[in-house]
Structure formats: C-alpha cells, structure tokens
Amino acid sequence: MIKLSVVIPCYNEERRLANCLERVVPYLCTNYQGAHEILIVDNGSTDDTFKIAQAYALTYSQISALSIPIRGKGLAVKKGMLYARGRWRYMCDVDLSTPIEEVQKFMEMGTFFDVVIGSREITRTSVKTTLARRLIGRAFHLLVSDLVPGVLDTQCGYKLFSAPAATAIFGRSQLTGMAFDVEALYLARLLGYNVGEVPVTWIHDADSRVRMVWDSLDMARSVLSIPWLHSQIKIPA
C-alpha cells in the first residue's frame, strides 16, 4: 500500500525539474521505501518539461508523468490528487521553497487533521521573501479571510490531504487557476474536514512562475465566485 503520494505540478520547468527530483527521490526512497509515489503533472508546458518527466518515469518505477494540455495550476493539482493512490497526498512546488524533508512535519500533524497546510505566518523567522510578495500576500489574505476563517496562509504551495479528503475536495473543485488553494480549503471546511497549519521553512525563489500583480488580480476575481460555485453542495448526514 502506498503511504505517501507527492504531487508536483509543473509549467515550463525544464531547468528545475531534474534538481527537484534529485532531492525528492532519495529522500522518499530512504524514508518511505516502496510505500510512496511521485506524480509529475505537466501543465501545458511549451519546453521539454514533460520529456524530462517521462525520462525519470522510465528510470524510477515510483514516478508517473502526467500531462494536461491546458495551463492552470488548479487543474494540474486536481489531476494529481485524483490520480494518486496514497493514503496521504502531498502537494509540492517544483522549486522546493519548502525542503522535501519538512513533509515529515505534515505527516505527524496528519495524526490529528484531515488536511495539513504549510504556513509562512506562524514562524516568520524561517521565511525569506521579498517585501512586495509579503505585502501582496497579506492583502490577499484579508480578501479571503471570511471564506476560510482561522487560516493564516492559504497560498503556501505545500499541503497534505488524506485520501478521503483529497477525493472529496478535488472531486468537487472547479477553479483552474492560482485561487484553487482557497477553494480547496473552503471545501474542506464545508465538507467537515478539520484543517491544521504547520510552520514551514520557506525561501523565495526568484525564478518563481507566479506573476505577483496579474495572478493576484485574477485570484481576487476567482475567490469571489467560490461560495456561489458550491452553494448547491449537500453535506452527507
């Protein structure tokens, strides 16, 4: 049985994917041996990202290379989470701004929570970022705080879901872009799953694919639609 699935969404990551996998594969092979899998989900890349993913999949039996022709991180994560077979499913950015070793913190928290999310707000001394990113992130947090009350950091790219929570949440998610994190946490609460936050080490990567201004504006528009998108959900008794 697979204990841990690691889902890595990728968009034009031919320069960073190999380095990511050279860190992730040894760690998982050492600590989870045959009880893990890695799902690389190419997200409409126009470079050789998918070819690199396929090459690694041929070398390591625990790696699967998936492809979505349409761009959208939310789509990529959804495909990976629903394709995964692990009892726990970990969403991980290819830049490893939070080192793969910290997945152990998430797994330990999983004893008490259905969904565990990385937080850059609990221990700020472990976070290195730019002032612009910090300010835009806090402004976005104010916008979404009523949708996910009590959550300090919705946008950290490292989150762990139990298999039942991942299936229920991503089986219903509809947002395809960067605001999918907020929707996933909104659905988690709506469906009765308990959400915990764990402080993480996080170092800003200057080669990030996030376009701070334009992506933030697009996310702001998207989050306003979340309650309407899921207004018809009937919670099982």
C-alpha atoms as a PDB file:
ATOM      1  CA  MET A   1       0.000   0.000   0.000  1.00  0.00           C
ATOM      2  CA  ILE A   2       1.229   3.473  -0.851  1.00  0.00           C
ATOM      3  CA  LYS A   3       1.540   5.638   2.241  1.00  0.00           C
ATOM      4  CA  LEU A   4       2.531   8.936   0.596  1.00  0.00           C
ATOM      5  CA  SER A   5       1.869  10.410  -2.839  1.00  0.00           C
ATOM      6  CA  VAL A   6       3.790  13.557  -3.798  1.00  0.00           C
ATOM      7  CA  VAL A   7       2.076  15.671  -6.466  1.00  0.00           C
ATOM      8  CA  ILE A   8       4.362  18.109  -8.307  1.00  0.00           C
ATOM      9  CA  PRO A   9       2.614  20.467 -10.781  1.00  0.00           C
ATOM     10  CA  CYS A  10       4.978  21.818 -13.453  1.00  0.00           C
ATOM     11  CA  TYR A  11       4.821  24.556 -16.051  1.00  0.00           C
ATOM     12  CA  ASN A  12       7.935  25.162 -18.185  1.00  0.00           C
ATOM     13  CA  GLU A  13      10.232  23.692 -15.554  1.00  0.00           C
ATOM     14  CA  GLU A  14      12.902  22.060 -17.727  1.00  0.00           C
ATOM     15  CA  ARG A  15      15.622  23.914 -15.787  1.00  0.00           C
ATOM     16  CA  ARG A  16      14.440  22.996 -12.296  1.00  0.00           C
ATOM     17  CA  LEU A  17      12.642  19.653 -12.521  1.00  0.00           C
ATOM     18  CA  ALA A  18      15.732  17.430 -12.520  1.00  0.00           C
ATOM     19  CA  ASN A  19      17.189  19.228  -9.499  1.00  0.00           C
ATOM     20  CA  CYS A  20      13.870  18.849  -7.682  1.00  0.00           C
ATOM     21  CA  LEU A  21      13.682  15.121  -8.358  1.00  0.00           C
ATOM     22  CA  GLU A  22      17.329  14.562  -7.416  1.00  0.00           C
ATOM     23  CA  ARG A  23      16.384  15.828  -3.946  1.00  0.00           C
ATOM     24  CA  VAL A  24      12.908  14.303  -3.634  1.00  0.00           C
ATOM     25  CA  VAL A  25      13.619  10.767  -4.904  1.00  0.00           C
ATOM     26  CA  PRO A  26      16.474   9.894  -2.476  1.00  0.00           C
ATOM     27  CA  TYR A  27      14.557  11.286   0.484  1.00  0.00           C
ATOM     28  CA  LEU A  28      11.411   9.306  -0.264  1.00  0.00           C
ATOM     29  CA  CYS A  29      13.335   6.133  -1.127  1.00  0.00           C
ATOM     30  CA  THR A  30      15.122   6.356   2.224  1.00  0.00           C
ATOM     31  CA  ASN A  31      12.173   7.279   4.410  1.00  0.00           C
ATOM     32  CA  TYR A  32       9.199   5.688   2.618  1.00  0.00           C
ATOM     33  CA  GLN A  33      10.972   2.979   0.588  1.00  0.00           C
ATOM     34  CA  GLY A  34       8.348   1.221  -1.559  1.00  0.00           C
ATOM     35  CA  ALA A  35       5.433   2.985   0.104  1.00  0.00           C
ATOM     36  CA  HIS A  36       5.497   6.175  -1.961  1.00  0.00           C
ATOM     37  CA  GLU A  37       4.856   7.565  -5.421  1.00  0.00           C
ATOM     38  CA  ILE A  38       5.689  10.804  -7.218  1.00  0.00           C
ATOM     39  CA  LEU A  39       3.240  12.288  -9.715  1.00  0.00           C
ATOM     40  CA  ILE A  40       4.700  14.915 -12.037  1.00  0.00           C
ATOM     41  CA  VAL A  41       1.822  16.776 -13.671  1.00  0.00           C
ATOM     42  CA  ASP A  42       2.913  18.802 -16.685  1.00  0.00           C
ATOM     43  CA  ASN A  43       0.634  21.784 -17.073  1.00  0.00           C
ATOM     44  CA  GLY A  44       0.680  22.818 -20.724  1.00  0.00           C
ATOM     45  CA  SER A  45       4.443  23.389 -20.882  1.00  0.00           C
ATOM     46  CA  THR A  46       5.983  24.590 -24.132  1.00  0.00           C
ATOM     47  CA  ASP A  47       9.506  23.414 -23.269  1.00  0.00           C
ATOM     48  CA  ASP A  48      10.928  19.938 -22.515  1.00  0.00           C
ATOM     49  CA  THR A  49       9.403  19.572 -19.050  1.00  0.00           C
ATOM     50  CA  PHE A  50       7.256  16.596 -19.991  1.00  0.00           C
ATOM     51  CA  LYS A  51      10.125  14.829 -21.785  1.00  0.00           C
ATOM     52  CA  ILE A  52      12.246  15.137 -18.642  1.00  0.00           C
ATOM     53  CA  ALA A  53       9.360  13.836 -16.530  1.00  0.00           C
ATOM     54  CA  GLN A  54       8.949  10.862 -18.876  1.00  0.00           C
ATOM     55  CA  ALA A  55      12.672  10.090 -18.717  1.00  0.00           C
ATOM     56  CA  TYR A  56      12.575   9.968 -14.923  1.00  0.00           C
ATOM     57  CA  ALA A  57       9.420   7.844 -15.013  1.00  0.00           C
ATOM     58  CA  LEU A  58      11.283   5.281 -17.132  1.00  0.00           C
ATOM     59  CA  THR A  59      14.125   5.216 -14.604  1.00  0.00           C
ATOM     60  CA  TYR A  60      12.146   5.196 -11.345  1.00  0.00           C
ATOM     61  CA  SER A  61       9.107   2.967 -11.035  1.00  0.00           C
ATOM     62  CA  GLN A  62       7.670   5.210  -8.321  1.00  0.00           C
ATOM     63  CA  ILE A  63       7.395   8.176 -10.723  1.00  0.00           C
ATOM     64  CA  SER A  64       4.429   8.788 -13.031  1.00  0.00           C
ATOM     65  CA  ALA A  65       4.468  11.527 -15.690  1.00  0.00           C
ATOM     66  CA  LEU A  66       1.054  13.030 -16.402  1.00  0.00           C
ATOM     67  CA  SER A  67       0.181  15.788 -18.858  1.00  0.00           C
ATOM     68  CA  ILE A  68      -2.585  18.367 -19.168  1.00  0.00           C
ATOM     69  CA  PRO A  69      -2.582  20.440 -22.378  1.00  0.00           C
ATOM     70  CA  ILE A  70      -4.372  23.374 -20.736  1.00  0.00           C
ATOM     71  CA  ARG A  71      -2.499  25.707 -18.401  1.00  0.00           C
ATOM     72  CA  GLY A  72      -3.814  26.109 -14.855  1.00  0.00           C
ATOM     73  CA  LYS A  73      -2.145  25.046 -11.614  1.00  0.00           C
ATOM     74  CA  GLY A  74      -5.512  24.188 -10.104  1.00  0.00           C
ATOM     75  CA  LEU A  75      -6.142  21.727 -12.946  1.00  0.00           C
ATOM     76  CA  ALA A  76      -2.733  20.129 -12.511  1.00  0.00           C
ATOM     77  CA  VAL A  77      -3.089  19.662  -8.761  1.00  0.00           C
ATOM     78  CA  LYS A  78      -6.614  18.307  -9.154  1.00  0.00           C
ATOM     79  CA  LYS A  79      -5.469  15.710 -11.701  1.00  0.00           C
ATOM     80  CA  GLY A  80      -2.579  14.647  -9.498  1.00  0.00           C
ATOM     81  CA  MET A  81      -4.664  14.400  -6.340  1.00  0.00           C
ATOM     82  CA  LEU A  82      -7.374  12.320  -8.008  1.00  0.00           C
ATOM     83  CA  TYR A  83      -4.862  10.099  -9.844  1.00  0.00           C
ATOM     84  CA  ALA A  84      -2.833   9.465  -6.673  1.00  0.00           C
ATOM     85  CA  ARG A  85      -3.202   6.241  -4.712  1.00  0.00           C
ATOM     86  CA  GLY A  86      -1.558   7.177  -1.433  1.00  0.00           C
ATOM     87  CA  ARG A  87      -3.236   7.271   1.962  1.00  0.00           C
ATOM     88  CA  TRP A  88      -1.734  10.759   2.192  1.00  0.00           C
ATOM     89  CA  ARG A  89      -1.281  13.124  -0.758  1.00  0.00           C
ATOM     90  CA  TYR A  90       1.245  15.957  -0.575  1.00  0.00           C
ATOM     91  CA  MET A  91       1.186  18.958  -2.887  1.00  0.00           C
ATOM     92  CA  CYS A  92       4.722  20.195  -3.539  1.00  0.00           C
ATOM     93  CA  ASP A  93       6.104  23.017  -5.717  1.00  0.00           C
ATOM     94  CA  VAL A  94       8.982  22.151  -8.024  1.00  0.00           C
ATOM     95  CA  ASP A  95      11.185  24.909  -6.598  1.00  0.00           C
ATOM     96  CA  LEU A  96      11.189  23.211  -3.166  1.00  0.00           C
ATOM     97  CA  SER A  97      10.957  26.572  -1.429  1.00  0.00           C
ATOM     98  CA  THR A  98       9.988  24.366   1.496  1.00  0.00           C
ATOM     99  CA  PRO A  99      12.511  21.471   1.590  1.00  0.00           C
ATOM    100  CA  ILE A 100      11.142  17.975   0.978  1.00  0.00           C
ATOM    101  CA  GLU A 101      12.400  16.919   4.409  1.00  0.00           C
ATOM    102  CA  GLU A 102       9.660  19.001   6.014  1.00  0.00           C
ATOM    103  CA  VAL A 103       6.982  16.633   4.715  1.00  0.00           C
ATOM    104  CA  GLN A 104       7.588  14.739   7.950  1.00  0.00           C
ATOM    105  CA  LYS A 105       6.051  17.654   9.894  1.00  0.00           C
ATOM    106  CA  PHE A 106       2.930  17.367   7.753  1.00  0.00           C
ATOM    107  CA  MET A 107       2.696  13.609   8.241  1.00  0.00           C
ATOM    108  CA  GLU A 108       2.988  13.970  12.006  1.00  0.00           C
ATOM    109  CA  MET A 109       0.209  16.581  12.015  1.00  0.00           C
ATOM    110  CA  GLY A 110      -1.875  14.196   9.908  1.00  0.00           C
ATOM    111  CA  THR A 111      -2.444  12.162  13.055  1.00  0.00           C
ATOM    112  CA  PHE A 112      -4.819  14.903  14.178  1.00  0.00           C
ATOM    113  CA  PHE A 113      -6.036  16.572  10.967  1.00  0.00           C
ATOM    114  CA  ASP A 114      -7.535  15.557   7.610  1.00  0.00           C
ATOM    115  CA  VAL A 115      -5.821  18.463   5.835  1.00  0.00           C
ATOM    116  CA  VAL A 116      -2.477  19.952   6.864  1.00  0.00           C
ATOM    117  CA  ILE A 117      -1.260  23.161   5.223  1.00  0.00           C
ATOM    118  CA  GLY A 118       2.126  24.816   5.337  1.00  0.00           C
ATOM    119  CA  SER A 119       2.129  28.253   6.928  1.00  0.00           C
ATOM    120  CA  ARG A 120       4.649  31.047   6.464  1.00  0.00           C
ATOM    121  CA  GLU A 121       2.890  33.145   9.109  1.00  0.00           C
ATOM    122  CA  ILE A 122       3.376  31.068  12.264  1.00  0.00           C
ATOM    123  CA  THR A 123       7.171  31.337  12.442  1.00  0.00           C
ATOM    124  CA  ARG A 124       8.298  34.279  10.343  1.00  0.00           C
ATOM    125  CA  THR A 125      11.982  33.788  11.207  1.00  0.00           C
ATOM    126  CA  SER A 126      12.020  30.668   8.991  1.00  0.00           C
ATOM    127  CA  VAL A 127      10.703  32.572   5.956  1.00  0.00           C
ATOM    128  CA  LYS A 128      12.754  34.562   3.449  1.00  0.00           C
ATOM    129  CA  THR A 129      10.738  36.500   0.885  1.00  0.00           C
ATOM    130  CA  THR A 130      10.512  39.881  -0.819  1.00  0.00           C
ATOM    131  CA  LEU A 131       8.656  42.841   0.650  1.00  0.00           C
ATOM    132  CA  ALA A 132       6.371  43.035  -2.401  1.00  0.00           C
ATOM    133  CA  ARG A 133       5.384  39.383  -2.120  1.00  0.00           C
ATOM    134  CA  ARG A 134       4.783  39.762   1.604  1.00  0.00           C
ATOM    135  CA  LEU A 135       2.534  42.824   1.179  1.00  0.00           C
ATOM    136  CA  ILE A 136       0.503  41.352  -1.689  1.00  0.00           C
ATOM    137  CA  GLY A 137       0.116  38.104   0.239  1.00  0.00           C
ATOM    138  CA  ARG A 138      -1.239  39.871   3.307  1.00  0.00           C
ATOM    139  CA  ALA A 139      -3.655  41.936   1.186  1.00  0.00           C
ATOM    140  CA  PHE A 140      -4.936  38.752  -0.441  1.00  0.00           C
ATOM    141  CA  HIS A 141      -5.320  37.155   2.986  1.00  0.00           C
ATOM    142  CA  LEU A 142      -7.635  39.969   4.064  1.00  0.00           C
ATOM    143  CA  LEU A 143      -9.767  39.323   0.989  1.00  0.00           C
ATOM    144  CA  VAL A 144     -10.213  35.594   1.691  1.00  0.00           C
ATOM    145  CA  SER A 145     -10.248  35.562   5.497  1.00  0.00           C
ATOM    146  CA  ASP A 146     -14.049  35.340   5.679  1.00  0.00           C
ATOM    147  CA  LEU A 147     -14.087  32.327   3.347  1.00  0.00           C
ATOM    148  CA  VAL A 148     -11.528  30.363   5.368  1.00  0.00           C
ATOM    149  CA  PRO A 149     -11.649  31.819   8.893  1.00  0.00           C
ATOM    150  CA  GLY A 150      -8.774  30.918  11.142  1.00  0.00           C
ATOM    151  CA  VAL A 151      -6.387  30.034   8.308  1.00  0.00           C
ATOM    152  CA  LEU A 152      -3.273  32.201   8.362  1.00  0.00           C
ATOM    153  CA  ASP A 153      -1.758  31.273   5.000  1.00  0.00           C
ATOM    154  CA  THR A 154      -3.896  29.876   2.176  1.00  0.00           C
ATOM    155  CA  GLN A 155      -1.312  30.231  -0.603  1.00  0.00           C
ATOM    156  CA  CYS A 156       1.712  28.278   0.574  1.00  0.00           C
ATOM    157  CA  GLY A 157       2.317  25.638  -2.117  1.00  0.00           C
ATOM    158  CA  TYR A 158       2.756  22.757   0.332  1.00  0.00           C
ATOM    159  CA  LYS A 159      -0.350  20.960   1.567  1.00  0.00           C
ATOM    160  CA  LEU A 160      -1.183  17.432   2.720  1.00  0.00           C
ATOM    161  CA  PHE A 161      -4.575  15.742   2.273  1.00  0.00           C
ATOM    162  CA  SER A 162      -5.819  12.400   3.499  1.00  0.00           C
ATOM    163  CA  ALA A 163      -7.080  10.196   0.669  1.00  0.00           C
ATOM    164  CA  PRO A 164     -10.786  10.669   1.589  1.00  0.00           C
ATOM    165  CA  ALA A 165     -10.344  14.447   1.901  1.00  0.00           C
ATOM    166  CA  ALA A 166      -8.437  14.702  -1.396  1.00  0.00           C
ATOM    167  CA  THR A 167     -11.083  12.692  -3.246  1.00  0.00           C
ATOM    168  CA  ALA A 168     -13.986  14.672  -1.809  1.00  0.00           C
ATOM    169  CA  ILE A 169     -12.387  18.104  -2.189  1.00  0.00           C
ATOM    170  CA  PHE A 170     -10.773  17.806  -5.609  1.00  0.00           C
ATOM    171  CA  GLY A 171     -13.672  15.791  -6.954  1.00  0.00           C
ATOM    172  CA  ARG A 172     -15.743  18.954  -6.427  1.00  0.00           C
ATOM    173  CA  SER A 173     -13.215  21.722  -7.108  1.00  0.00           C
ATOM    174  CA  GLN A 174     -13.814  23.915 -10.146  1.00  0.00           C
ATOM    175  CA  LEU A 175     -11.241  26.714 -10.125  1.00  0.00           C
ATOM    176  CA  THR A 176      -8.398  26.031 -12.532  1.00  0.00           C
ATOM    177  CA  GLY A 177      -6.022  28.856 -11.654  1.00  0.00           C
ATOM    178  CA  MET A 178      -3.997  30.020  -8.674  1.00  0.00           C
ATOM    179  CA  ALA A 179      -7.018  30.572  -6.411  1.00  0.00           C
ATOM    180  CA  PHE A 180      -7.649  26.830  -6.213  1.00  0.00           C
ATOM    181  CA  ASP A 181      -5.972  26.732  -2.767  1.00  0.00           C
ATOM    182  CA  VAL A 182      -8.700  28.913  -1.291  1.00  0.00           C
ATOM    183  CA  GLU A 183     -11.400  26.817  -2.920  1.00  0.00           C
ATOM    184  CA  ALA A 184      -9.844  23.595  -1.599  1.00  0.00           C
ATOM    185  CA  LEU A 185      -9.749  24.938   1.959  1.00  0.00           C
ATOM    186  CA  TYR A 186     -13.269  26.337   1.643  1.00  0.00           C
ATOM    187  CA  LEU A 187     -14.499  22.910   0.522  1.00  0.00           C
ATOM    188  CA  ALA A 188     -12.560  21.190   3.307  1.00  0.00           C
ATOM    189  CA  ARG A 189     -14.423  23.234   5.896  1.00  0.00           C
ATOM    190  CA  LEU A 190     -17.741  22.932   4.062  1.00  0.00           C
ATOM    191  CA  LEU A 191     -17.423  19.138   3.935  1.00  0.00           C
ATOM    192  CA  GLY A 192     -16.479  18.856   7.590  1.00  0.00           C
ATOM    193  CA  TYR A 193     -12.764  18.060   7.329  1.00  0.00           C
ATOM    194  CA  ASN A 194     -10.527  19.522  10.010  1.00  0.00           C
ATOM    195  CA  VAL A 195      -7.653  21.701   8.829  1.00  0.00           C
ATOM    196  CA  GLY A 196      -4.366  22.243  10.654  1.00  0.00           C
ATOM    197  CA  GLU A 197      -1.460  24.573   9.894  1.00  0.00           C
ATOM    198  CA  VAL A 198       2.191  23.709  10.373  1.00  0.00           C
ATOM    199  CA  PRO A 199       5.028  26.275  10.329  1.00  0.00           C
ATOM    200  CA  VAL A 200       7.462  25.711   7.472  1.00  0.00           C
ATOM    201  CA  THR A 201      10.824  26.884   6.289  1.00  0.00           C
ATOM    202  CA  TRP A 202      10.224  28.811   3.079  1.00  0.00           C
ATOM    203  CA  ILE A 203      12.712  30.627   0.833  1.00  0.00           C
ATOM    204  CA  HIS A 204      11.523  32.748  -2.076  1.00  0.00           C
ATOM    205  CA  ASP A 205      12.775  31.598  -5.477  1.00  0.00           C
ATOM    206  CA  ALA A 206      13.409  34.487  -7.876  1.00  0.00           C
ATOM    207  CA  ASP A 207      12.554  32.136 -10.771  1.00  0.00           C
ATOM    208  CA  SER A 208       9.007  31.666  -9.479  1.00  0.00           C
ATOM    209  CA  ARG A 209       6.260  31.266 -12.099  1.00  0.00           C
ATOM    210  CA  VAL A 210       3.896  33.420 -10.015  1.00  0.00           C
ATOM    211  CA  ARG A 211       3.193  36.805 -11.625  1.00  0.00           C
ATOM    212  CA  MET A 212       2.585  38.721  -8.443  1.00  0.00           C
ATOM    213  CA  VAL A 213       0.329  41.525  -9.716  1.00  0.00           C
ATOM    214  CA  TRP A 214      -1.601  39.840 -12.540  1.00  0.00           C
ATOM    215  CA  ASP A 215      -2.020  36.487 -10.800  1.00  0.00           C
ATOM    216  CA  SER A 216      -3.179  38.251  -7.638  1.00  0.00           C
ATOM    217  CA  LEU A 217      -5.816  40.219  -9.556  1.00  0.00           C
ATOM    218  CA  ASP A 218      -7.031  37.054 -11.291  1.00  0.00           C
ATOM    219  CA  MET A 219      -7.142  35.224  -7.951  1.00  0.00           C
ATOM    220  CA  ALA A 220      -9.133  38.049  -6.379  1.00  0.00           C
ATOM    221  CA  ARG A 221     -11.781  37.732  -9.090  1.00  0.00           C
ATOM    222  CA  SER A 222     -11.895  33.965  -8.759  1.00  0.00           C
ATOM    223  CA  VAL A 223     -12.303  33.765  -4.981  1.00  0.00           C
ATOM    224  CA  LEU A 224     -15.418  35.908  -5.102  1.00  0.00           C
ATOM    225  CA  SER A 225     -17.131  33.127  -7.060  1.00  0.00           C
ATOM    226  CA  ILE A 226     -16.347  30.324  -4.603  1.00  0.00           C
ATOM    227  CA  PRO A 227     -19.482  30.477  -2.395  1.00  0.00           C
ATOM    228  CA  TRP A 228     -21.686  30.620  -5.490  1.00  0.00           C
ATOM    229  CA  LEU A 229     -19.897  27.708  -7.174  1.00  0.00           C
ATOM    230  CA  HIS A 230     -20.588  25.461  -4.194  1.00  0.00           C
ATOM    231  CA  SER A 231     -23.912  26.788  -2.966  1.00  0.00           C
ATOM    232  CA  GLN A 232     -25.691  23.571  -4.013  1.00  0.00           C
ATOM    233  CA  ILE A 233     -23.453  21.138  -2.118  1.00  0.00           C
ATOM    234  CA  LYS A 234     -25.488  18.849   0.104  1.00  0.00           C
ATOM    235  CA  ILE A 235     -23.467  17.690   3.085  1.00  0.00           C
ATOM    236  CA  PRO A 236     -23.966  13.944   3.781  1.00  0.00           C
ATOM    237  CA  ALA A 237     -25.729  13.230   7.067  1.00  0.00           C
END
